[in-house]
N, C-alpha and C. Protein backbone atom coordinates (compact mmCIF):
# COMPACT_ATOMS: atom_id res chain seq x y z
N MET A 1 34.36 16.01 -15.02
CA MET A 1 33.47 15.73 -16.12
C MET A 1 32.11 15.23 -15.61
N THR A 2 32.08 14.59 -14.45
CA THR A 2 30.83 14.10 -13.89
C THR A 2 29.90 15.27 -13.56
N ALA A 3 30.45 16.34 -13.00
CA ALA A 3 29.63 17.52 -12.69
C ALA A 3 29.01 18.09 -13.96
N TYR A 4 29.80 18.13 -15.02
CA TYR A 4 29.30 18.64 -16.30
C TYR A 4 28.10 17.82 -16.78
N LEU A 5 28.18 16.52 -16.69
CA LEU A 5 27.08 15.66 -17.13
C LEU A 5 25.83 15.84 -16.26
N TRP A 6 26.03 16.07 -14.96
CA TRP A 6 24.88 16.33 -14.09
C TRP A 6 24.21 17.65 -14.46
N PHE A 7 25.03 18.69 -14.64
CA PHE A 7 24.48 19.98 -15.00
C PHE A 7 23.76 19.89 -16.35
N LYS A 8 24.35 19.22 -17.30
CA LYS A 8 23.74 19.08 -18.62
C LYS A 8 22.44 18.28 -18.54
N SER A 9 22.42 17.23 -17.73
CA SER A 9 21.20 16.42 -17.56
C SER A 9 20.07 17.24 -16.98
N PHE A 10 20.36 18.03 -15.95
CA PHE A 10 19.31 18.86 -15.35
C PHE A 10 18.87 19.96 -16.31
N HIS A 11 19.81 20.54 -17.04
CA HIS A 11 19.45 21.55 -18.03
C HIS A 11 18.48 20.95 -19.06
N LEU A 12 18.81 19.79 -19.57
CA LEU A 12 17.95 19.14 -20.57
C LEU A 12 16.59 18.77 -19.98
N LEU A 13 16.57 18.29 -18.76
CA LEU A 13 15.30 17.94 -18.11
C LEU A 13 14.38 19.15 -18.03
N PHE A 14 14.90 20.28 -17.56
CA PHE A 14 14.07 21.46 -17.40
C PHE A 14 13.72 22.10 -18.74
N VAL A 15 14.60 21.99 -19.72
CA VAL A 15 14.27 22.49 -21.06
C VAL A 15 13.12 21.68 -21.65
N ILE A 16 13.19 20.36 -21.53
CA ILE A 16 12.13 19.51 -22.07
C ILE A 16 10.80 19.81 -21.36
N ALA A 17 10.84 19.96 -20.06
CA ALA A 17 9.61 20.26 -19.31
C ALA A 17 9.06 21.63 -19.71
N TRP A 18 9.94 22.61 -19.89
CA TRP A 18 9.48 23.94 -20.31
C TRP A 18 8.89 23.89 -21.71
N MET A 19 9.51 23.14 -22.60
CA MET A 19 8.99 23.03 -23.96
C MET A 19 7.61 22.38 -23.96
N ALA A 20 7.37 21.46 -23.05
CA ALA A 20 6.03 20.88 -22.94
C ALA A 20 5.02 21.99 -22.61
N ALA A 21 5.39 22.90 -21.73
CA ALA A 21 4.51 24.02 -21.38
C ALA A 21 4.34 24.96 -22.58
N VAL A 22 5.42 25.19 -23.31
CA VAL A 22 5.36 26.06 -24.50
C VAL A 22 4.42 25.46 -25.54
N PHE A 23 4.44 24.14 -25.69
CA PHE A 23 3.56 23.49 -26.65
C PHE A 23 2.11 23.41 -26.16
N TYR A 24 1.91 23.21 -24.87
CA TYR A 24 0.56 22.94 -24.37
C TYR A 24 -0.26 24.19 -24.08
N LEU A 25 0.38 25.28 -23.68
CA LEU A 25 -0.38 26.49 -23.37
C LEU A 25 -1.18 26.98 -24.58
N PRO A 26 -0.61 27.07 -25.77
CA PRO A 26 -1.42 27.46 -26.93
C PRO A 26 -2.52 26.44 -27.25
N ARG A 27 -2.30 25.19 -26.94
CA ARG A 27 -3.35 24.19 -27.15
C ARG A 27 -4.53 24.45 -26.21
N ILE A 28 -4.24 24.88 -25.00
CA ILE A 28 -5.31 25.26 -24.08
C ILE A 28 -6.08 26.45 -24.67
N LEU A 29 -5.37 27.38 -25.28
CA LEU A 29 -6.04 28.52 -25.91
C LEU A 29 -6.96 28.07 -27.04
N VAL A 30 -6.53 27.08 -27.82
CA VAL A 30 -7.39 26.53 -28.88
C VAL A 30 -8.66 25.97 -28.25
N ASN A 31 -8.53 25.24 -27.17
CA ASN A 31 -9.69 24.67 -26.49
C ASN A 31 -10.61 25.76 -25.93
N VAL A 32 -10.02 26.84 -25.42
CA VAL A 32 -10.84 27.96 -24.93
C VAL A 32 -11.61 28.57 -26.09
N ALA A 33 -10.93 28.77 -27.21
CA ALA A 33 -11.60 29.36 -28.38
C ALA A 33 -12.73 28.47 -28.88
N GLU A 34 -12.57 27.16 -28.77
CA GLU A 34 -13.59 26.23 -29.25
C GLU A 34 -14.68 25.97 -28.21
N ALA A 35 -14.47 26.39 -26.97
CA ALA A 35 -15.46 26.14 -25.92
C ALA A 35 -16.71 26.98 -26.08
N GLY A 36 -16.59 28.08 -26.81
CA GLY A 36 -17.77 28.91 -27.05
C GLY A 36 -18.29 29.53 -25.77
N GLY A 37 -19.59 29.38 -25.52
CA GLY A 37 -20.22 30.00 -24.37
C GLY A 37 -20.29 29.12 -23.14
N GLU A 38 -19.62 27.99 -23.14
CA GLU A 38 -19.65 27.08 -21.99
C GLU A 38 -18.75 27.64 -20.88
N ALA A 39 -19.35 28.35 -19.96
CA ALA A 39 -18.61 29.07 -18.93
C ALA A 39 -17.80 28.15 -18.03
N ALA A 40 -18.36 27.01 -17.65
CA ALA A 40 -17.64 26.10 -16.75
C ALA A 40 -16.41 25.52 -17.43
N VAL A 41 -16.53 25.18 -18.70
CA VAL A 41 -15.39 24.63 -19.45
C VAL A 41 -14.32 25.69 -19.61
N ARG A 42 -14.73 26.88 -19.98
CA ARG A 42 -13.77 27.98 -20.14
C ARG A 42 -13.06 28.29 -18.82
N ALA A 43 -13.79 28.29 -17.73
CA ALA A 43 -13.18 28.57 -16.42
C ALA A 43 -12.14 27.51 -16.06
N ARG A 44 -12.48 26.25 -16.32
CA ARG A 44 -11.53 25.16 -16.03
C ARG A 44 -10.28 25.29 -16.91
N LEU A 45 -10.48 25.60 -18.19
CA LEU A 45 -9.33 25.76 -19.09
C LEU A 45 -8.48 26.97 -18.71
N HIS A 46 -9.13 28.05 -18.29
CA HIS A 46 -8.37 29.22 -17.84
C HIS A 46 -7.53 28.89 -16.61
N LEU A 47 -8.12 28.15 -15.68
CA LEU A 47 -7.38 27.74 -14.48
C LEU A 47 -6.19 26.86 -14.85
N MET A 48 -6.43 25.89 -15.73
CA MET A 48 -5.33 25.02 -16.17
C MET A 48 -4.23 25.84 -16.85
N GLY A 49 -4.63 26.74 -17.73
CA GLY A 49 -3.66 27.57 -18.43
C GLY A 49 -2.87 28.46 -17.50
N HIS A 50 -3.55 29.05 -16.54
CA HIS A 50 -2.88 29.94 -15.58
C HIS A 50 -1.84 29.17 -14.76
N ARG A 51 -2.20 27.99 -14.30
CA ARG A 51 -1.25 27.17 -13.53
C ARG A 51 -0.07 26.74 -14.39
N LEU A 52 -0.35 26.34 -15.62
CA LEU A 52 0.71 25.92 -16.53
C LEU A 52 1.65 27.09 -16.84
N TYR A 53 1.09 28.26 -17.02
CA TYR A 53 1.89 29.45 -17.31
C TYR A 53 2.85 29.76 -16.16
N ARG A 54 2.33 29.74 -14.94
CA ARG A 54 3.20 29.97 -13.76
C ARG A 54 4.28 28.90 -13.66
N PHE A 55 3.87 27.64 -13.80
CA PHE A 55 4.82 26.53 -13.69
C PHE A 55 5.86 26.61 -14.81
N GLY A 56 5.44 27.02 -16.00
CA GLY A 56 6.37 27.15 -17.12
C GLY A 56 7.47 28.16 -16.83
N HIS A 57 7.12 29.24 -16.14
CA HIS A 57 8.14 30.23 -15.79
C HIS A 57 9.16 29.66 -14.81
N ILE A 58 8.70 28.85 -13.90
CA ILE A 58 9.62 28.20 -12.95
C ILE A 58 10.56 27.27 -13.71
N LEU A 59 9.99 26.48 -14.61
CA LEU A 59 10.81 25.54 -15.39
C LEU A 59 11.83 26.29 -16.25
N PHE A 60 11.41 27.41 -16.85
CA PHE A 60 12.33 28.20 -17.66
C PHE A 60 13.46 28.73 -16.79
N GLY A 61 13.13 29.21 -15.61
CA GLY A 61 14.16 29.73 -14.71
C GLY A 61 15.18 28.67 -14.33
N LEU A 62 14.72 27.47 -14.04
CA LEU A 62 15.65 26.39 -13.70
C LEU A 62 16.50 25.98 -14.90
N ALA A 63 15.89 25.91 -16.07
CA ALA A 63 16.66 25.60 -17.28
C ALA A 63 17.71 26.68 -17.53
N LEU A 64 17.33 27.94 -17.30
CA LEU A 64 18.26 29.05 -17.50
C LEU A 64 19.43 28.96 -16.52
N LEU A 65 19.14 28.67 -15.26
CA LEU A 65 20.22 28.57 -14.27
C LEU A 65 21.23 27.48 -14.64
N PHE A 66 20.72 26.31 -15.01
CA PHE A 66 21.63 25.24 -15.39
C PHE A 66 22.34 25.55 -16.70
N GLY A 67 21.67 26.25 -17.60
CA GLY A 67 22.31 26.66 -18.86
C GLY A 67 23.44 27.64 -18.62
N ILE A 68 23.22 28.59 -17.72
CA ILE A 68 24.28 29.55 -17.39
C ILE A 68 25.44 28.83 -16.73
N ALA A 69 25.14 27.87 -15.87
CA ALA A 69 26.21 27.09 -15.23
C ALA A 69 27.01 26.34 -16.28
N LEU A 70 26.35 25.81 -17.30
CA LEU A 70 27.08 25.12 -18.37
C LEU A 70 27.91 26.09 -19.19
N TRP A 71 27.36 27.27 -19.42
CA TRP A 71 28.02 28.27 -20.27
C TRP A 71 29.22 28.90 -19.58
N LEU A 72 29.05 29.27 -18.31
CA LEU A 72 30.10 30.02 -17.61
C LEU A 72 30.72 29.27 -16.44
N GLY A 73 30.22 28.07 -16.17
CA GLY A 73 30.69 27.33 -15.01
C GLY A 73 32.16 26.98 -15.04
N TRP A 74 32.73 26.85 -16.23
CA TRP A 74 34.14 26.50 -16.32
C TRP A 74 35.03 27.58 -15.72
N ARG A 75 34.53 28.82 -15.66
CA ARG A 75 35.32 29.90 -15.06
C ARG A 75 35.34 29.79 -13.54
N VAL A 76 34.25 29.28 -12.98
CA VAL A 76 34.15 29.14 -11.53
C VAL A 76 34.77 27.82 -11.07
N PHE A 77 34.51 26.75 -11.83
CA PHE A 77 35.02 25.41 -11.51
C PHE A 77 35.83 24.88 -12.70
N PRO A 78 37.03 25.41 -12.92
CA PRO A 78 37.78 25.02 -14.12
C PRO A 78 38.15 23.54 -14.17
N GLY A 79 38.25 22.88 -13.04
CA GLY A 79 38.60 21.47 -13.05
C GLY A 79 37.41 20.55 -13.25
N SER A 80 36.20 21.06 -12.97
CA SER A 80 35.01 20.22 -13.03
C SER A 80 34.17 20.43 -14.29
N LEU A 81 34.10 21.67 -14.77
CA LEU A 81 33.26 21.97 -15.93
C LEU A 81 34.11 22.46 -17.09
N PRO A 82 33.93 21.88 -18.28
CA PRO A 82 34.72 22.31 -19.44
C PRO A 82 34.13 23.58 -20.07
N ASP A 83 34.92 24.23 -20.90
CA ASP A 83 34.45 25.36 -21.69
C ASP A 83 33.71 24.78 -22.90
N VAL A 84 32.39 24.75 -22.84
CA VAL A 84 31.61 24.08 -23.88
C VAL A 84 31.39 24.95 -25.11
N VAL A 85 31.66 26.24 -25.00
CA VAL A 85 31.42 27.13 -26.13
C VAL A 85 32.71 27.44 -26.87
N GLY A 86 33.77 27.74 -26.13
CA GLY A 86 35.04 28.06 -26.75
C GLY A 86 34.93 29.27 -27.66
N VAL A 87 35.48 29.14 -28.86
CA VAL A 87 35.47 30.26 -29.81
C VAL A 87 34.37 30.11 -30.86
N THR A 88 33.50 29.14 -30.69
CA THR A 88 32.43 28.96 -31.66
C THR A 88 31.31 29.97 -31.41
N HIS A 89 30.48 30.18 -32.41
CA HIS A 89 29.43 31.20 -32.31
C HIS A 89 28.03 30.64 -32.49
N TRP A 90 27.87 29.35 -32.36
CA TRP A 90 26.54 28.74 -32.50
C TRP A 90 25.61 29.13 -31.36
N LEU A 91 26.19 29.51 -30.23
CA LEU A 91 25.38 29.82 -29.06
C LEU A 91 24.53 31.08 -29.25
N HIS A 92 25.04 32.05 -30.00
CA HIS A 92 24.31 33.30 -30.17
C HIS A 92 22.97 33.10 -30.88
N PRO A 93 22.92 32.41 -32.02
CA PRO A 93 21.60 32.17 -32.63
C PRO A 93 20.72 31.25 -31.78
N LYS A 94 21.34 30.33 -31.05
CA LYS A 94 20.55 29.46 -30.17
C LYS A 94 19.87 30.30 -29.10
N LEU A 95 20.61 31.20 -28.47
CA LEU A 95 20.03 32.04 -27.44
C LEU A 95 18.96 32.98 -28.01
N ALA A 96 19.16 33.45 -29.24
CA ALA A 96 18.15 34.29 -29.88
C ALA A 96 16.86 33.50 -30.10
N LEU A 97 16.98 32.24 -30.50
CA LEU A 97 15.79 31.41 -30.69
C LEU A 97 15.11 31.09 -29.36
N VAL A 98 15.89 30.87 -28.33
CA VAL A 98 15.32 30.64 -26.99
C VAL A 98 14.57 31.89 -26.54
N LEU A 99 15.15 33.05 -26.80
CA LEU A 99 14.47 34.30 -26.45
C LEU A 99 13.15 34.43 -27.21
N LEU A 100 13.16 34.06 -28.49
CA LEU A 100 11.91 34.08 -29.27
C LEU A 100 10.87 33.15 -28.67
N LEU A 101 11.29 31.96 -28.25
CA LEU A 101 10.36 31.03 -27.61
C LEU A 101 9.82 31.59 -26.30
N LEU A 102 10.67 32.27 -25.55
CA LEU A 102 10.20 32.89 -24.30
C LEU A 102 9.18 33.98 -24.60
N VAL A 103 9.44 34.80 -25.61
CA VAL A 103 8.49 35.85 -25.99
C VAL A 103 7.17 35.21 -26.42
N TYR A 104 7.24 34.14 -27.19
CA TYR A 104 6.05 33.40 -27.62
C TYR A 104 5.26 32.88 -26.41
N PHE A 105 5.96 32.33 -25.44
CA PHE A 105 5.33 31.79 -24.23
C PHE A 105 4.64 32.91 -23.45
N ILE A 106 5.32 34.03 -23.31
CA ILE A 106 4.73 35.17 -22.60
C ILE A 106 3.52 35.70 -23.36
N TRP A 107 3.62 35.79 -24.68
CA TRP A 107 2.50 36.23 -25.51
C TRP A 107 1.30 35.30 -25.32
N SER A 108 1.56 34.00 -25.30
CA SER A 108 0.47 33.03 -25.08
C SER A 108 -0.18 33.26 -23.71
N GLY A 109 0.65 33.50 -22.70
CA GLY A 109 0.12 33.77 -21.37
C GLY A 109 -0.72 35.04 -21.33
N ARG A 110 -0.31 36.05 -22.07
CA ARG A 110 -1.09 37.30 -22.11
C ARG A 110 -2.41 37.10 -22.84
N LEU A 111 -2.39 36.29 -23.90
CA LEU A 111 -3.64 35.95 -24.57
C LEU A 111 -4.60 35.27 -23.60
N LEU A 112 -4.05 34.37 -22.80
CA LEU A 112 -4.88 33.67 -21.81
C LEU A 112 -5.47 34.66 -20.80
N LYS A 113 -4.65 35.57 -20.31
CA LYS A 113 -5.13 36.56 -19.33
C LYS A 113 -6.19 37.46 -19.94
N ARG A 114 -5.99 37.88 -21.18
CA ARG A 114 -7.00 38.72 -21.84
C ARG A 114 -8.29 37.95 -22.05
N SER A 115 -8.17 36.66 -22.37
CA SER A 115 -9.35 35.83 -22.54
C SER A 115 -10.12 35.70 -21.23
N GLU A 116 -9.39 35.59 -20.12
CA GLU A 116 -10.05 35.52 -18.81
C GLU A 116 -10.84 36.78 -18.52
N GLN A 117 -10.37 37.89 -19.05
CA GLN A 117 -11.05 39.18 -18.82
C GLN A 117 -12.15 39.44 -19.84
N GLY A 118 -12.38 38.46 -20.73
CA GLY A 118 -13.48 38.58 -21.68
C GLY A 118 -13.10 39.04 -23.07
N ALA A 119 -11.83 39.31 -23.31
CA ALA A 119 -11.40 39.73 -24.65
C ALA A 119 -11.45 38.54 -25.60
N PRO A 120 -11.75 38.79 -26.86
CA PRO A 120 -11.82 37.67 -27.81
C PRO A 120 -10.43 37.14 -28.16
N LEU A 121 -10.38 35.85 -28.44
CA LEU A 121 -9.15 35.20 -28.89
C LEU A 121 -9.13 35.17 -30.42
N PRO A 122 -7.96 35.01 -31.01
CA PRO A 122 -7.94 34.72 -32.45
C PRO A 122 -8.72 33.44 -32.72
N SER A 123 -9.01 33.18 -33.97
CA SER A 123 -9.79 31.98 -34.31
C SER A 123 -9.02 30.72 -33.90
N ALA A 124 -9.78 29.64 -33.68
CA ALA A 124 -9.15 28.37 -33.31
C ALA A 124 -8.18 27.92 -34.38
N ARG A 125 -8.53 28.17 -35.63
CA ARG A 125 -7.64 27.77 -36.74
C ARG A 125 -6.31 28.53 -36.68
N ARG A 126 -6.39 29.84 -36.47
CA ARG A 126 -5.16 30.64 -36.37
C ARG A 126 -4.32 30.20 -35.17
N LEU A 127 -4.98 29.91 -34.06
CA LEU A 127 -4.26 29.44 -32.88
C LEU A 127 -3.59 28.10 -33.13
N ARG A 128 -4.24 27.23 -33.91
CA ARG A 128 -3.63 25.94 -34.25
C ARG A 128 -2.36 26.14 -35.07
N VAL A 129 -2.40 27.07 -36.01
CA VAL A 129 -1.21 27.36 -36.84
C VAL A 129 -0.10 27.94 -35.96
N LEU A 130 -0.46 28.88 -35.10
CA LEU A 130 0.54 29.48 -34.20
C LEU A 130 1.11 28.45 -33.23
N ASN A 131 0.34 27.43 -32.93
CA ASN A 131 0.78 26.37 -32.02
C ASN A 131 1.92 25.56 -32.62
N GLU A 132 2.05 25.56 -33.94
CA GLU A 132 3.10 24.77 -34.59
C GLU A 132 4.43 25.51 -34.71
N LEU A 133 4.44 26.81 -34.55
CA LEU A 133 5.66 27.60 -34.72
C LEU A 133 6.81 27.19 -33.78
N PRO A 134 6.53 26.89 -32.52
CA PRO A 134 7.64 26.51 -31.63
C PRO A 134 8.37 25.24 -32.09
N VAL A 135 7.69 24.39 -32.82
CA VAL A 135 8.36 23.17 -33.31
C VAL A 135 9.51 23.54 -34.24
N LEU A 136 9.29 24.53 -35.09
CA LEU A 136 10.34 24.97 -36.01
C LEU A 136 11.52 25.58 -35.25
N ALA A 137 11.21 26.39 -34.26
CA ALA A 137 12.28 26.99 -33.46
C ALA A 137 13.05 25.92 -32.69
N LEU A 138 12.34 24.96 -32.13
CA LEU A 138 13.00 23.89 -31.39
C LEU A 138 13.89 23.06 -32.31
N PHE A 139 13.42 22.78 -33.52
CA PHE A 139 14.24 22.03 -34.48
C PHE A 139 15.52 22.80 -34.80
N ALA A 140 15.40 24.11 -35.00
CA ALA A 140 16.59 24.92 -35.28
C ALA A 140 17.55 24.92 -34.08
N ILE A 141 17.02 24.99 -32.88
CA ILE A 141 17.87 24.96 -31.68
C ILE A 141 18.61 23.63 -31.58
N ILE A 142 17.89 22.54 -31.76
CA ILE A 142 18.52 21.22 -31.69
C ILE A 142 19.60 21.09 -32.75
N THR A 143 19.33 21.57 -33.95
CA THR A 143 20.32 21.52 -35.03
C THR A 143 21.56 22.32 -34.65
N LEU A 144 21.38 23.51 -34.10
CA LEU A 144 22.53 24.33 -33.70
C LEU A 144 23.34 23.65 -32.62
N VAL A 145 22.67 23.06 -31.64
CA VAL A 145 23.38 22.44 -30.51
C VAL A 145 24.15 21.20 -30.98
N LEU A 146 23.55 20.39 -31.81
CA LEU A 146 24.19 19.14 -32.23
C LEU A 146 25.28 19.36 -33.27
N PHE A 147 25.02 20.20 -34.27
CA PHE A 147 25.98 20.36 -35.36
C PHE A 147 26.99 21.47 -35.14
N LYS A 148 26.64 22.44 -34.29
CA LYS A 148 27.52 23.59 -34.03
C LYS A 148 28.13 24.10 -35.35
N PRO A 149 27.28 24.59 -36.26
CA PRO A 149 27.75 24.90 -37.62
C PRO A 149 28.72 26.06 -37.72
N PHE A 150 28.80 26.90 -36.72
CA PHE A 150 29.76 28.02 -36.79
C PHE A 150 30.17 28.42 -35.39
């Protein structure tokens, strides 16, 4: 059971860190959109966004590895890791929402790359609204994990 708690702790750590990147990258895009013609500010924000985007992928990969270990680890280490899913089906919608968040993160990164190449961004207001969408997905994920409704 101790191994399970370690794996779960690391999974949660990397998920929280990745979610910080998911929340902050669109905020950088809002700042880029509001920077206007200030080239030095835009360049600094693009650099920050590019680094965050790369780091976010690393964090997602680590969260995924520990998540897979939690999901399937009981087959490899039956005495150390329990079967946390069993016959319940809450994991499928959770994984679908995580996939949506990953697509959102990649989309944000592509917006950043297009902005670096001079393409226009959506308005700052639209980006602010889009910045709030991951909160809803995260709330649904937390609800699924805690309540396991089905």
